[in-house]
Amino acid sequence: QVQLVESGGGLVQSGESLRLSCAASGSIFVITAMGWYRQAPGKQREFVATITSGGSTNYVDSVKGRFTISRDNAKNTVYLEMNSLKPEDTAVYYCNVVVSRGLLGTYDYWGQGTQVTVSS
């Protein structure tokens, strides 16, 4: 089992910043990738950003240039620095970790979510 603990959400005004953190613990063999998804009110959960164990990053177009994903492999922690926040960024943000267990395959784990609210 892998547990993810998220923190850093809150209420901010447009143009301000927040930094989300997600720490993974438990029975981890190899972390293939860590990332963030979000779910706005009344909408489906969407991909936001990911970072592989090798450091490659990927972002949804709407956050490029504003959000930065990073990691600390030694601490099994992923971060999402969110700058120039907009009201449309308001959502519950979920941490995601993909773990490889060799011949046992690959598994996904999710955090409990942290609320980010951006006022206009």
C-alpha atoms as a PDB file:
ATOM      1  CA  GLN A   1       0.000   0.000   0.000  1.00  0.00           C
ATOM      2  CA  VAL A   2       1.052   3.548  -0.802  1.00  0.00           C
ATOM      3  CA  GLN A   3      -0.281   6.578   1.048  1.00  0.00           C
ATOM      4  CA  LEU A   4      -0.239  10.130  -0.261  1.00  0.00           C
ATOM      5  CA  VAL A   5      -0.508  13.178   1.975  1.00  0.00           C
ATOM      6  CA  GLU A   6      -1.343  16.488   0.305  1.00  0.00           C
ATOM      7  CA  SER A   7      -1.042  20.008   1.652  1.00  0.00           C
ATOM      8  CA  GLY A   8      -0.864  23.617   0.508  1.00  0.00           C
ATOM      9  CA  GLY A   9      -4.350  24.426  -0.710  1.00  0.00           C
ATOM     10  CA  GLY A  10      -6.185  27.562   0.280  1.00  0.00           C
ATOM     11  CA  LEU A  11      -8.070  30.683  -0.719  1.00  0.00           C
ATOM     12  CA  VAL A  12      -6.259  33.346  -2.725  1.00  0.00           C
ATOM     13  CA  GLN A  13      -7.056  36.238  -5.020  1.00  0.00           C
ATOM     14  CA  SER A  14      -6.422  36.351  -8.740  1.00  0.00           C
ATOM     15  CA  GLY A  15      -2.738  36.779  -9.526  1.00  0.00           C
ATOM     16  CA  GLU A  16      -1.504  35.275  -6.276  1.00  0.00           C
ATOM     17  CA  SER A  17       0.391  32.032  -5.788  1.00  0.00           C
ATOM     18  CA  LEU A  18       0.166  28.738  -3.958  1.00  0.00           C
ATOM     19  CA  ARG A  19       2.472  25.760  -3.612  1.00  0.00           C
ATOM     20  CA  LEU A  20       1.035  22.288  -3.243  1.00  0.00           C
ATOM     21  CA  SER A  21       2.960  19.375  -1.776  1.00  0.00           C
ATOM     22  CA  CYS A  22       2.369  15.638  -1.878  1.00  0.00           C
ATOM     23  CA  ALA A  23       4.445  13.121   0.037  1.00  0.00           C
ATOM     24  CA  ALA A  24       4.275   9.410  -0.744  1.00  0.00           C
ATOM     25  CA  SER A  25       4.997   6.667   1.751  1.00  0.00           C
ATOM     26  CA  GLY A  26       4.500   2.934   2.049  1.00  0.00           C
ATOM     27  CA  SER A  27       5.471  -0.069  -0.024  1.00  0.00           C
ATOM     28  CA  ILE A  28       7.145   1.647  -2.952  1.00  0.00           C
ATOM     29  CA  PHE A  29       9.449  -0.158  -5.336  1.00  0.00           C
ATOM     30  CA  VAL A  30       9.978   2.377  -8.113  1.00  0.00           C
ATOM     31  CA  ILE A  31       8.030   5.584  -8.693  1.00  0.00           C
ATOM     32  CA  THR A  32       7.521   5.910 -12.419  1.00  0.00           C
ATOM     33  CA  ALA A  33       5.814   9.287 -12.303  1.00  0.00           C
ATOM     34  CA  MET A  34       4.152  11.762  -9.970  1.00  0.00           C
ATOM     35  CA  GLY A  35       1.619  14.362 -10.929  1.00  0.00           C
ATOM     36  CA  TRP A  36      -1.407  16.477 -10.281  1.00  0.00           C
ATOM     37  CA  TYR A  37      -4.992  16.383 -11.453  1.00  0.00           C
ATOM     38  CA  ARG A  38      -7.847  18.706 -10.584  1.00  0.00           C
ATOM     39  CA  GLN A  39     -11.608  18.644 -10.527  1.00  0.00           C
ATOM     40  CA  ALA A  40     -13.584  21.872 -10.726  1.00  0.00           C
ATOM     41  CA  PRO A  41     -17.191  22.095  -9.519  1.00  0.00           C
ATOM     42  CA  GLY A  42     -19.504  20.301 -11.909  1.00  0.00           C
ATOM     43  CA  LYS A  43     -16.672  19.153 -14.155  1.00  0.00           C
ATOM     44  CA  GLN A  44     -14.665  16.006 -14.757  1.00  0.00           C
ATOM     45  CA  ARG A  45     -11.259  15.464 -13.252  1.00  0.00           C
ATOM     46  CA  GLU A  46      -8.556  16.698 -15.603  1.00  0.00           C
ATOM     47  CA  PHE A  47      -4.836  16.282 -15.961  1.00  0.00           C
ATOM     48  CA  VAL A  48      -2.727  19.234 -14.812  1.00  0.00           C
ATOM     49  CA  ALA A  49       0.939  18.223 -14.701  1.00  0.00           C
ATOM     50  CA  THR A  50       3.238  15.231 -14.362  1.00  0.00           C
ATOM     51  CA  ILE A  51       6.912  14.617 -13.800  1.00  0.00           C
ATOM     52  CA  THR A  52       8.689  11.333 -14.452  1.00  0.00           C
ATOM     53  CA  SER A  53      11.422   9.802 -12.358  1.00  0.00           C
ATOM     54  CA  GLY A  54      13.842  11.047 -14.999  1.00  0.00           C
ATOM     55  CA  GLY A  55      12.646  14.626 -14.662  1.00  0.00           C
ATOM     56  CA  SER A  56      10.552  15.003 -17.800  1.00  0.00           C
ATOM     57  CA  THR A  57       7.536  17.258 -17.304  1.00  0.00           C
ATOM     58  CA  ASN A  58       4.204  17.693 -19.015  1.00  0.00           C
ATOM     59  CA  TYR A  59       1.466  20.285 -18.495  1.00  0.00           C
ATOM     60  CA  VAL A  60      -2.041  20.934 -19.659  1.00  0.00           C
ATOM     61  CA  ASP A  61      -2.048  23.926 -22.007  1.00  0.00           C
ATOM     62  CA  SER A  62      -4.077  26.131 -19.687  1.00  0.00           C
ATOM     63  CA  VAL A  63      -1.361  26.180 -16.995  1.00  0.00           C
ATOM     64  CA  LYS A  64       1.786  26.329 -19.113  1.00  0.00           C
ATOM     65  CA  GLY A  65       3.961  29.258 -18.104  1.00  0.00           C
ATOM     66  CA  ARG A  66       2.153  29.643 -14.779  1.00  0.00           C
ATOM     67  CA  PHE A  67       2.541  26.295 -12.984  1.00  0.00           C
ATOM     68  CA  THR A  68       5.746  24.399 -12.265  1.00  0.00           C
ATOM     69  CA  ILE A  69       5.919  20.788 -11.145  1.00  0.00           C
ATOM     70  CA  SER A  70       8.991  19.529  -9.320  1.00  0.00           C
ATOM     71  CA  ARG A  71      10.037  16.618  -7.154  1.00  0.00           C
ATOM     72  CA  ASP A  72      12.357  15.487  -4.419  1.00  0.00           C
ATOM     73  CA  ASN A  73      13.080  11.844  -5.127  1.00  0.00           C
ATOM     74  CA  ALA A  74      14.832  11.299  -1.803  1.00  0.00           C
ATOM     75  CA  LYS A  75      11.661  12.352   0.014  1.00  0.00           C
ATOM     76  CA  ASN A  76       9.207  10.838  -2.483  1.00  0.00           C
ATOM     77  CA  THR A  77       7.563  14.237  -2.674  1.00  0.00           C
ATOM     78  CA  VAL A  78       6.089  16.151  -5.593  1.00  0.00           C
ATOM     79  CA  TYR A  79       5.294  19.865  -5.640  1.00  0.00           C
ATOM     80  CA  LEU A  80       3.126  22.097  -7.761  1.00  0.00           C
ATOM     81  CA  GLU A  81       3.992  25.779  -7.695  1.00  0.00           C
ATOM     82  CA  MET A  82       1.051  27.741  -9.013  1.00  0.00           C
ATOM     83  CA  ASN A  83       1.633  31.351 -10.005  1.00  0.00           C
ATOM     84  CA  SER A  84      -0.659  33.965 -11.530  1.00  0.00           C
ATOM     85  CA  LEU A  85      -3.672  32.027 -10.354  1.00  0.00           C
ATOM     86  CA  LYS A  86      -6.982  32.601 -12.087  1.00  0.00           C
ATOM     87  CA  PRO A  87     -10.550  31.938 -10.947  1.00  0.00           C
ATOM     88  CA  GLU A  88     -10.732  29.113 -13.479  1.00  0.00           C
ATOM     89  CA  ASP A  89      -7.984  27.347 -11.524  1.00  0.00           C
ATOM     90  CA  THR A  90     -10.443  26.835  -8.685  1.00  0.00           C
ATOM     91  CA  ALA A  91     -10.731  23.102  -8.076  1.00  0.00           C
ATOM     92  CA  VAL A  92      -9.857  20.242  -5.807  1.00  0.00           C
ATOM     93  CA  TYR A  93      -6.316  19.214  -6.665  1.00  0.00           C
ATOM     94  CA  TYR A  94      -5.372  15.553  -6.412  1.00  0.00           C
ATOM     95  CA  CYS A  95      -1.898  14.101  -6.210  1.00  0.00           C
ATOM     96  CA  ASN A  96      -1.212  11.022  -8.323  1.00  0.00           C
ATOM     97  CA  VAL A  97       1.673   8.576  -8.094  1.00  0.00           C
ATOM     98  CA  VAL A  98       2.422   5.764 -10.522  1.00  0.00           C
ATOM     99  CA  VAL A  99       4.412   2.942  -8.960  1.00  0.00           C
ATOM    100  CA  SER A 100       6.162   0.133 -10.785  1.00  0.00           C
ATOM    101  CA  ARG A 101       6.384  -3.185  -8.945  1.00  0.00           C
ATOM    102  CA  GLY A 102       8.408  -5.066 -11.516  1.00  0.00           C
ATOM    103  CA  LEU A 103       6.670  -8.165 -12.769  1.00  0.00           C
ATOM    104  CA  LEU A 104       3.654  -7.310 -10.615  1.00  0.00           C
ATOM    105  CA  GLY A 105       2.897  -4.411 -12.912  1.00  0.00           C
ATOM    106  CA  THR A 106       2.154  -0.725 -12.523  1.00  0.00           C
ATOM    107  CA  TYR A 107      -0.255   0.802  -9.999  1.00  0.00           C
ATOM    108  CA  ASP A 108      -1.874   4.210  -9.500  1.00  0.00           C
ATOM    109  CA  TYR A 109      -2.383   5.878  -6.124  1.00  0.00           C
ATOM    110  CA  TRP A 110      -4.305   9.047  -5.294  1.00  0.00           C
ATOM    111  CA  GLY A 111      -4.226  11.629  -2.543  1.00  0.00           C
ATOM    112  CA  GLN A 112      -7.316  12.833  -0.717  1.00  0.00           C
ATOM    113  CA  GLY A 113      -7.362  16.177  -2.529  1.00  0.00           C
ATOM    114  CA  THR A 114      -6.734  19.742  -1.444  1.00  0.00           C
ATOM    115  CA  GLN A 115      -9.031  22.666  -2.231  1.00  0.00           C
ATOM    116  CA  VAL A 116      -7.711  25.620  -4.193  1.00  0.00           C
ATOM    117  CA  THR A 117     -10.047  28.588  -4.477  1.00  0.00           C
ATOM    118  CA  VAL A 118      -9.164  31.693  -6.482  1.00  0.00           C
ATOM    119  CA  SER A 119     -11.407  34.723  -6.112  1.00  0.00           C
ATOM    120  CA  SER A 120     -11.932  37.213  -8.916  1.00  0.00           C
END
